[in-house]
Amino acid sequence: MRRYAPRPSSLSYAFGPGPISPAVKWIILANVVMFAVSLFVDLYQFLGLVPKRVIESGWVWQVGTYMFMHGNAVHILFNMLGIWMFGTELERLWGTRFFLRFYAVTGLGAAATVMLVGLLPFAATAPTYTAATIGASGALYGLLMAFALYYPDRPILMFLLFPVPAKYFVIIVGAMAFLAGPGGEISNAAHLGGLVFAYLYLRGGRGGFTAEVKYRYLKWKMNRLRRKFDVYSGGRSDWDRHVH
């Protein structure tokens, strides 16, 4: 007798990575709270990243606080949506501790890039030295780079319309930021900084992509030794556990 699975009564669709992870939840909550406070108190020149004030006045906290400031509702909405969509899956993969470290590194790396661009002796980069850079976009671009390294063929909607593999999506947005250059209302330097520092951290730092490669190599080596000496494991091996 053949068995047939019941047909679903209607099609179902899923959006996003599912339930929010712990670190992503607190990052989003902190950004929302700071945005709500900034509606009543002007904090942008005090907490936004202004290279001149960091260098000449010693306001070094700005290299971290700028990530929690946003200019308007659309700005914070898209940044938080991106952090939820890409950050949740990465936090589940890495664990909360490594995810928070990575988020901080890319955010601070984006700030360092803005500082460097502001110090360049060119007319086009001069406004960056005195302008206030705000937003979590630098860290978000870092999450995009990590997502593309781990899930290169996963589709991402370009302009919310066209599905593009993650590896090409990151190349496109990176090229757009590079070609746009400094100036204007968008901090392309922060975007590029987030991408570059994320790549360098995952490729050359401890943990992340490097840990993934080591894990795969050790698993392959152990399986090779098992085959060589005819050793077979009963049950699930600890080498099948993905730990970061």
C-alpha atoms as a PDB file:
ATOM      1  CA  MET A   1       0.000   0.000   0.000  1.00  0.00           C
ATOM      2  CA  ARG A   2       1.359   3.398  -0.957  1.00  0.00           C
ATOM      3  CA  ARG A   3       1.153   6.310   1.418  1.00  0.00           C
ATOM      4  CA  TYR A   4       0.515   9.849   0.375  1.00  0.00           C
ATOM      5  CA  ALA A   5       1.391  12.907   2.406  1.00  0.00           C
ATOM      6  CA  PRO A   6      -1.510  15.322   2.779  1.00  0.00           C
ATOM      7  CA  ARG A   7      -1.323  18.306   0.484  1.00  0.00           C
ATOM      8  CA  PRO A   8      -1.097  21.689   2.161  1.00  0.00           C
ATOM      9  CA  SER A   9      -4.238  23.716   1.835  1.00  0.00           C
ATOM     10  CA  SER A  10      -2.289  26.825   0.853  1.00  0.00           C
ATOM     11  CA  LEU A  11       1.228  27.916   0.031  1.00  0.00           C
ATOM     12  CA  SER A  12       3.344  29.280   2.874  1.00  0.00           C
ATOM     13  CA  TYR A  13       6.133  31.829   2.659  1.00  0.00           C
ATOM     14  CA  ALA A  14       8.943  32.638   5.067  1.00  0.00           C
ATOM     15  CA  PHE A  15      10.711  35.977   5.447  1.00  0.00           C
ATOM     16  CA  GLY A  16      13.932  36.558   7.283  1.00  0.00           C
ATOM     17  CA  PRO A  17      16.058  34.233   9.456  1.00  0.00           C
ATOM     18  CA  GLY A  18      13.386  33.462  12.045  1.00  0.00           C
ATOM     19  CA  PRO A  19      13.340  34.400  15.756  1.00  0.00           C
ATOM     20  CA  ILE A  20      15.784  37.092  16.769  1.00  0.00           C
ATOM     21  CA  SER A  21      19.014  36.031  18.482  1.00  0.00           C
ATOM     22  CA  PRO A  22      20.158  37.498  21.855  1.00  0.00           C
ATOM     23  CA  ALA A  23      22.935  39.872  20.766  1.00  0.00           C
ATOM     24  CA  VAL A  24      21.000  41.115  17.740  1.00  0.00           C
ATOM     25  CA  LYS A  25      18.019  41.812  19.987  1.00  0.00           C
ATOM     26  CA  TRP A  26      20.071  43.969  22.352  1.00  0.00           C
ATOM     27  CA  ILE A  27      21.843  45.777  19.516  1.00  0.00           C
ATOM     28  CA  ILE A  28      18.513  46.683  17.931  1.00  0.00           C
ATOM     29  CA  LEU A  29      17.041  47.694  21.295  1.00  0.00           C
ATOM     30  CA  ALA A  30      20.021  49.967  22.049  1.00  0.00           C
ATOM     31  CA  ASN A  31      19.719  51.636  18.647  1.00  0.00           C
ATOM     32  CA  VAL A  32      15.979  52.177  19.039  1.00  0.00           C
ATOM     33  CA  VAL A  33      16.400  53.675  22.512  1.00  0.00           C
ATOM     34  CA  MET A  34      19.124  56.051  21.331  1.00  0.00           C
ATOM     35  CA  PHE A  35      17.045  57.077  18.349  1.00  0.00           C
ATOM     36  CA  ALA A  36      14.067  57.807  20.599  1.00  0.00           C
ATOM     37  CA  VAL A  37      16.237  59.933  22.913  1.00  0.00           C
ATOM     38  CA  SER A  38      17.717  61.835  19.958  1.00  0.00           C
ATOM     39  CA  LEU A  39      14.221  62.933  18.955  1.00  0.00           C
ATOM     40  CA  PHE A  40      14.140  65.142  22.067  1.00  0.00           C
ATOM     41  CA  VAL A  41      17.833  65.880  22.657  1.00  0.00           C
ATOM     42  CA  ASP A  42      20.360  66.804  19.964  1.00  0.00           C
ATOM     43  CA  LEU A  43      23.129  64.239  20.473  1.00  0.00           C
ATOM     44  CA  TYR A  44      24.561  64.043  16.980  1.00  0.00           C
ATOM     45  CA  GLN A  45      27.536  66.368  17.445  1.00  0.00           C
ATOM     46  CA  PHE A  46      28.305  64.791  20.828  1.00  0.00           C
ATOM     47  CA  LEU A  47      27.862  61.083  19.989  1.00  0.00           C
ATOM     48  CA  GLY A  48      28.235  61.109  16.201  1.00  0.00           C
ATOM     49  CA  LEU A  49      31.711  60.524  14.757  1.00  0.00           C
ATOM     50  CA  VAL A  50      33.396  63.862  14.004  1.00  0.00           C
ATOM     51  CA  PRO A  51      37.099  63.244  13.229  1.00  0.00           C
ATOM     52  CA  LYS A  52      38.037  66.809  14.143  1.00  0.00           C
ATOM     53  CA  ARG A  53      36.588  66.471  17.647  1.00  0.00           C
ATOM     54  CA  VAL A  54      38.141  63.046  18.192  1.00  0.00           C
ATOM     55  CA  ILE A  55      41.606  64.300  17.245  1.00  0.00           C
ATOM     56  CA  GLU A  56      41.571  67.887  18.504  1.00  0.00           C
ATOM     57  CA  SER A  57      39.248  67.591  21.512  1.00  0.00           C
ATOM     58  CA  GLY A  58      39.873  64.005  22.548  1.00  0.00           C
ATOM     59  CA  TRP A  59      36.266  62.836  22.178  1.00  0.00           C
ATOM     60  CA  VAL A  60      37.395  59.274  21.565  1.00  0.00           C
ATOM     61  CA  TRP A  61      34.059  57.745  22.612  1.00  0.00           C
ATOM     62  CA  GLN A  62      32.627  58.882  19.284  1.00  0.00           C
ATOM     63  CA  VAL A  63      34.349  56.012  17.437  1.00  0.00           C
ATOM     64  CA  GLY A  64      31.921  53.669  19.197  1.00  0.00           C
ATOM     65  CA  THR A  65      28.824  55.738  19.966  1.00  0.00           C
ATOM     66  CA  TYR A  66      28.259  56.803  16.354  1.00  0.00           C
ATOM     67  CA  MET A  67      27.022  53.269  15.588  1.00  0.00           C
ATOM     68  CA  PHE A  68      23.945  53.824  17.766  1.00  0.00           C
ATOM     69  CA  MET A  69      22.846  57.130  16.244  1.00  0.00           C
ATOM     70  CA  HIS A  70      20.498  57.455  13.252  1.00  0.00           C
ATOM     71  CA  GLY A  71      19.189  60.426  11.339  1.00  0.00           C
ATOM     72  CA  ASN A  72      15.574  59.451  10.690  1.00  0.00           C
ATOM     73  CA  ALA A  73      13.086  56.602  10.846  1.00  0.00           C
ATOM     74  CA  VAL A  74      13.959  55.245   7.388  1.00  0.00           C
ATOM     75  CA  HIS A  75      17.667  55.212   8.261  1.00  0.00           C
ATOM     76  CA  ILE A  76      17.241  53.172  11.427  1.00  0.00           C
ATOM     77  CA  LEU A  77      14.535  50.936   9.914  1.00  0.00           C
ATOM     78  CA  PHE A  78      16.722  49.661   7.066  1.00  0.00           C
ATOM     79  CA  ASN A  79      19.819  49.297   9.235  1.00  0.00           C
ATOM     80  CA  MET A  80      17.996  47.333  11.922  1.00  0.00           C
ATOM     81  CA  LEU A  81      16.238  45.208   9.322  1.00  0.00           C
ATOM     82  CA  GLY A  82      19.616  44.320   7.801  1.00  0.00           C
ATOM     83  CA  ILE A  83      21.174  43.542  11.191  1.00  0.00           C
ATOM     84  CA  TRP A  84      18.261  41.237  12.010  1.00  0.00           C
ATOM     85  CA  MET A  85      18.294  39.466   8.638  1.00  0.00           C
ATOM     86  CA  PHE A  86      22.048  38.847   8.428  1.00  0.00           C
ATOM     87  CA  GLY A  87      23.131  39.093  12.047  1.00  0.00           C
ATOM     88  CA  THR A  88      20.708  36.537  13.456  1.00  0.00           C
ATOM     89  CA  GLU A  89      21.968  33.724  11.255  1.00  0.00           C
ATOM     90  CA  LEU A  90      25.611  34.637  11.853  1.00  0.00           C
ATOM     91  CA  GLU A  91      25.128  34.774  15.621  1.00  0.00           C
ATOM     92  CA  ARG A  92      23.585  31.300  15.566  1.00  0.00           C
ATOM     93  CA  LEU A  93      26.573  30.074  13.564  1.00  0.00           C
ATOM     94  CA  TRP A  94      29.315  31.738  15.621  1.00  0.00           C
ATOM     95  CA  GLY A  95      27.815  32.118  19.045  1.00  0.00           C
ATOM     96  CA  THR A  96      27.034  35.374  20.833  1.00  0.00           C
ATOM     97  CA  ARG A  97      30.548  36.159  22.068  1.00  0.00           C
ATOM     98  CA  PHE A  98      32.261  35.927  18.694  1.00  0.00           C
ATOM     99  CA  PHE A  99      29.375  37.733  17.001  1.00  0.00           C
ATOM    100  CA  LEU A 100      29.634  40.704  19.377  1.00  0.00           C
ATOM    101  CA  ARG A 101      33.399  40.843  18.914  1.00  0.00           C
ATOM    102  CA  PHE A 102      33.010  40.787  15.143  1.00  0.00           C
ATOM    103  CA  TYR A 103      30.317  43.473  15.229  1.00  0.00           C
ATOM    104  CA  ALA A 104      32.534  45.723  17.358  1.00  0.00           C
ATOM    105  CA  VAL A 105      35.605  45.167  15.159  1.00  0.00           C
ATOM    106  CA  THR A 106      33.772  46.044  11.951  1.00  0.00           C
ATOM    107  CA  GLY A 107      32.065  49.067  13.512  1.00  0.00           C
ATOM    108  CA  LEU A 108      35.348  50.392  14.895  1.00  0.00           C
ATOM    109  CA  GLY A 109      37.088  49.566  11.622  1.00  0.00           C
ATOM    110  CA  ALA A 110      34.512  51.624   9.753  1.00  0.00           C
ATOM    111  CA  ALA A 111      35.163  54.498  12.184  1.00  0.00           C
ATOM    112  CA  ALA A 112      38.932  54.214  11.623  1.00  0.00           C
ATOM    113  CA  THR A 113      38.341  54.398   7.866  1.00  0.00           C
ATOM    114  CA  VAL A 114      36.265  57.562   8.256  1.00  0.00           C
ATOM    115  CA  MET A 115      39.022  59.086  10.393  1.00  0.00           C
ATOM    116  CA  LEU A 116      41.664  58.192   7.812  1.00  0.00           C
ATOM    117  CA  VAL A 117      39.635  59.630   4.927  1.00  0.00           C
ATOM    118  CA  GLY A 118      39.047  62.822   6.909  1.00  0.00           C
ATOM    119  CA  LEU A 119      42.796  63.293   7.340  1.00  0.00           C
ATOM    120  CA  LEU A 120      43.606  62.953   3.639  1.00  0.00           C
ATOM    121  CA  PRO A 121      44.905  66.211   2.099  1.00  0.00           C
ATOM    122  CA  PHE A 122      42.310  66.452  -0.677  1.00  0.00           C
ATOM    123  CA  ALA A 123      39.480  68.881  -1.246  1.00  0.00           C
ATOM    124  CA  ALA A 124      37.010  66.041  -1.815  1.00  0.00           C
ATOM    125  CA  THR A 125      37.780  64.440   1.553  1.00  0.00           C
ATOM    126  CA  ALA A 126      38.040  67.648   3.604  1.00  0.00           C
ATOM    127  CA  PRO A 127      34.304  67.756   4.578  1.00  0.00           C
ATOM    128  CA  THR A 128      34.643  64.319   6.214  1.00  0.00           C
ATOM    129  CA  TYR A 129      36.960  65.813   8.831  1.00  0.00           C
ATOM    130  CA  THR A 130      34.262  68.095  10.248  1.00  0.00           C
ATOM    131  CA  ALA A 131      31.082  66.192   9.371  1.00  0.00           C
ATOM    132  CA  ALA A 132      29.238  63.948  11.842  1.00  0.00           C
ATOM    133  CA  THR A 133      29.020  60.326  10.686  1.00  0.00           C
ATOM    134  CA  ILE A 134      26.174  58.351  12.254  1.00  0.00           C
ATOM    135  CA  GLY A 135      24.547  54.957  11.803  1.00  0.00           C
ATOM    136  CA  ALA A 136      25.216  51.232  12.059  1.00  0.00           C
ATOM    137  CA  SER A 137      25.862  50.868   8.323  1.00  0.00           C
ATOM    138  CA  GLY A 138      29.586  50.206   8.740  1.00  0.00           C
ATOM    139  CA  ALA A 139      28.947  47.212  11.011  1.00  0.00           C
ATOM    140  CA  LEU A 140      26.033  46.145   8.784  1.00  0.00           C
ATOM    141  CA  TYR A 141      28.313  46.056   5.743  1.00  0.00           C
ATOM    142  CA  GLY A 142      30.658  43.920   7.811  1.00  0.00           C
ATOM    143  CA  LEU A 143      27.802  41.485   8.428  1.00  0.00           C
ATOM    144  CA  LEU A 144      27.080  41.482   4.699  1.00  0.00           C
ATOM    145  CA  MET A 145      30.680  40.528   3.951  1.00  0.00           C
ATOM    146  CA  ALA A 146      30.572  37.716   6.505  1.00  0.00           C
ATOM    147  CA  PHE A 147      27.264  36.474   5.125  1.00  0.00           C
ATOM    148  CA  ALA A 148      28.717  36.411   1.605  1.00  0.00           C
ATOM    149  CA  LEU A 149      31.778  34.450   2.775  1.00  0.00           C
ATOM    150  CA  TYR A 150      29.699  31.809   4.532  1.00  0.00           C
ATOM    151  CA  TYR A 151      26.698  31.712   2.199  1.00  0.00           C
ATOM    152  CA  PRO A 152      28.027  32.937  -1.175  1.00  0.00           C
ATOM    153  CA  ASP A 153      25.153  31.581  -3.245  1.00  0.00           C
ATOM    154  CA  ARG A 154      22.320  32.635  -0.930  1.00  0.00           C
ATOM    155  CA  PRO A 155      20.132  35.144  -2.834  1.00  0.00           C
ATOM    156  CA  ILE A 156      19.716  38.718  -1.572  1.00  0.00           C
ATOM    157  CA  LEU A 157      17.199  41.103  -3.071  1.00  0.00           C
ATOM    158  CA  MET A 158      18.995  43.973  -4.795  1.00  0.00           C
ATOM    159  CA  PHE A 159      16.912  47.149  -4.321  1.00  0.00           C
ATOM    160  CA  LEU A 160      14.302  44.798  -2.781  1.00  0.00           C
ATOM    161  CA  LEU A 161      13.450  43.647  -6.323  1.00  0.00           C
ATOM    162  CA  PHE A 162      16.071  41.416  -7.963  1.00  0.00           C
ATOM    163  CA  PRO A 163      17.562  38.283  -6.326  1.00  0.00           C
ATOM    164  CA  VAL A 164      21.363  38.337  -6.528  1.00  0.00           C
ATOM    165  CA  PRO A 165      23.767  35.765  -4.986  1.00  0.00           C
ATOM    166  CA  ALA A 166      25.331  37.146  -1.814  1.00  0.00           C
ATOM    167  CA  LYS A 167      28.873  37.052  -3.242  1.00  0.00           C
ATOM    168  CA  TYR A 168      27.865  39.282  -6.149  1.00  0.00           C
ATOM    169  CA  PHE A 169      25.645  41.469  -3.986  1.00  0.00           C
ATOM    170  CA  VAL A 170      28.611  42.405  -1.789  1.00  0.00           C
ATOM    171  CA  ILE A 171      30.792  43.101  -4.833  1.00  0.00           C
ATOM    172  CA  ILE A 172      28.109  45.390  -6.271  1.00  0.00           C
ATOM    173  CA  VAL A 173      27.474  47.405  -3.097  1.00  0.00           C
ATOM    174  CA  GLY A 174      31.222  47.655  -2.467  1.00  0.00           C
ATOM    175  CA  ALA A 175      31.820  48.946  -5.986  1.00  0.00           C
ATOM    176  CA  MET A 176      28.970  51.437  -5.596  1.00  0.00           C
ATOM    177  CA  ALA A 177      30.473  52.784  -2.366  1.00  0.00           C
ATOM    178  CA  PHE A 178      33.946  53.003  -3.895  1.00  0.00           C
ATOM    179  CA  LEU A 179      32.805  54.759  -7.066  1.00  0.00           C
ATOM    180  CA  ALA A 180      30.587  57.179  -5.162  1.00  0.00           C
ATOM    181  CA  GLY A 181      33.594  58.324  -3.150  1.00  0.00           C
ATOM    182  CA  PRO A 182      33.564  60.744  -0.192  1.00  0.00           C
ATOM    183  CA  GLY A 183      31.141  63.594   0.176  1.00  0.00           C
ATOM    184  CA  GLY A 184      27.366  63.707   0.136  1.00  0.00           C
ATOM    185  CA  GLU A 185      25.015  62.539   2.862  1.00  0.00           C
ATOM    186  CA  ILE A 186      26.093  58.866   2.728  1.00  0.00           C
ATOM    187  CA  SER A 187      29.348  57.842   4.401  1.00  0.00           C
ATOM    188  CA  ASN A 188      30.799  55.591   1.729  1.00  0.00           C
ATOM    189  CA  ALA A 189      34.068  55.487   3.673  1.00  0.00           C
ATOM    190  CA  ALA A 190      32.284  53.769   6.589  1.00  0.00           C
ATOM    191  CA  HIS A 191      30.678  51.261   4.225  1.00  0.00           C
ATOM    192  CA  LEU A 192      33.990  50.369   2.615  1.00  0.00           C
ATOM    193  CA  GLY A 193      35.680  50.215   6.003  1.00  0.00           C
ATOM    194  CA  GLY A 194      33.097  47.742   7.284  1.00  0.00           C
ATOM    195  CA  LEU A 195      33.608  45.506   4.256  1.00  0.00           C
ATOM    196  CA  VAL A 196      37.404  45.607   4.359  1.00  0.00           C
ATOM    197  CA  PHE A 197      37.785  45.062   8.100  1.00  0.00           C
ATOM    198  CA  ALA A 198      35.261  42.218   8.037  1.00  0.00           C
ATOM    199  CA  TYR A 199      37.174  40.487   5.255  1.00  0.00           C
ATOM    200  CA  LEU A 200      40.544  40.951   6.952  1.00  0.00           C
ATOM    201  CA  TYR A 201      39.225  39.802  10.313  1.00  0.00           C
ATOM    202  CA  LEU A 202      37.579  36.661   8.995  1.00  0.00           C
ATOM    203  CA  ARG A 203      40.368  35.732   6.605  1.00  0.00           C
ATOM    204  CA  GLY A 204      43.360  36.542   8.780  1.00  0.00           C
ATOM    205  CA  GLY A 205      42.084  36.811  12.352  1.00  0.00           C
ATOM    206  CA  ARG A 206      41.384  34.153  14.940  1.00  0.00           C
ATOM    207  CA  GLY A 207      37.984  32.509  14.639  1.00  0.00           C
ATOM    208  CA  GLY A 208      35.350  33.099  11.994  1.00  0.00           C
ATOM    209  CA  PHE A 209      36.228  31.914   8.508  1.00  0.00           C
ATOM    210  CA  THR A 210      39.695  30.787   9.600  1.00  0.00           C
ATOM    211  CA  ALA A 211      38.178  28.606  12.319  1.00  0.00           C
ATOM    212  CA  GLU A 212      35.793  27.149   9.758  1.00  0.00           C
ATOM    213  CA  VAL A 213      38.698  26.151   7.493  1.00  0.00           C
ATOM    214  CA  LYS A 214      40.611  24.604  10.412  1.00  0.00           C
ATOM    215  CA  TYR A 215      37.507  22.704  11.498  1.00  0.00           C
ATOM    216  CA  ARG A 216      36.963  21.272   8.012  1.00  0.00           C
ATOM    217  CA  TYR A 217      40.641  20.320   7.688  1.00  0.00           C
ATOM    218  CA  LEU A 218      40.728  18.552  11.065  1.00  0.00           C
ATOM    219  CA  LYS A 219      37.510  16.712  10.282  1.00  0.00           C
ATOM    220  CA  TRP A 220      38.936  15.563   6.930  1.00  0.00           C
ATOM    221  CA  LYS A 221      42.181  14.484   8.599  1.00  0.00           C
ATOM    222  CA  MET A 222      40.383  12.471  11.289  1.00  0.00           C
ATOM    223  CA  ASN A 223      38.171  10.757   8.728  1.00  0.00           C
ATOM    224  CA  ARG A 224      41.254   9.889   6.690  1.00  0.00           C
ATOM    225  CA  LEU A 225      42.933   8.349   9.732  1.00  0.00           C
ATOM    226  CA  ARG A 226      39.774   6.360  10.509  1.00  0.00           C
ATOM    227  CA  ARG A 227      39.735   4.928   6.997  1.00  0.00           C
ATOM    228  CA  LYS A 228      43.462   4.168   7.120  1.00  0.00           C
ATOM    229  CA  PHE A 229      43.259   2.213  10.367  1.00  0.00           C
ATOM    230  CA  ASP A 230      39.723   0.917   9.825  1.00  0.00           C
ATOM    231  CA  VAL A 231      38.407   2.753  12.866  1.00  0.00           C
ATOM    232  CA  TYR A 232      34.682   3.476  12.877  1.00  0.00           C
ATOM    233  CA  SER A 233      32.847   5.505  15.442  1.00  0.00           C
ATOM    234  CA  GLY A 234      29.628   4.294  16.967  1.00  0.00           C
ATOM    235  CA  GLY A 235      27.117   7.094  17.237  1.00  0.00           C
ATOM    236  CA  ARG A 236      27.727  10.729  16.557  1.00  0.00           C
ATOM    237  CA  SER A 237      31.299  11.914  16.788  1.00  0.00           C
ATOM    238  CA  ASP A 238      32.353  15.043  18.588  1.00  0.00           C
ATOM    239  CA  TRP A 239      34.057  16.116  15.355  1.00  0.00           C
ATOM    240  CA  ASP A 240      30.640  16.665  13.851  1.00  0.00           C
ATOM    241  CA  ARG A 241      29.905  19.434  16.294  1.00  0.00           C
ATOM    242  CA  HIS A 242      30.410  22.937  15.015  1.00  0.00           C
ATOM    243  CA  VAL A 243      31.842  24.988  17.856  1.00  0.00           C
ATOM    244  CA  HIS A 244      33.044  28.578  17.806  1.00  0.00           C
END
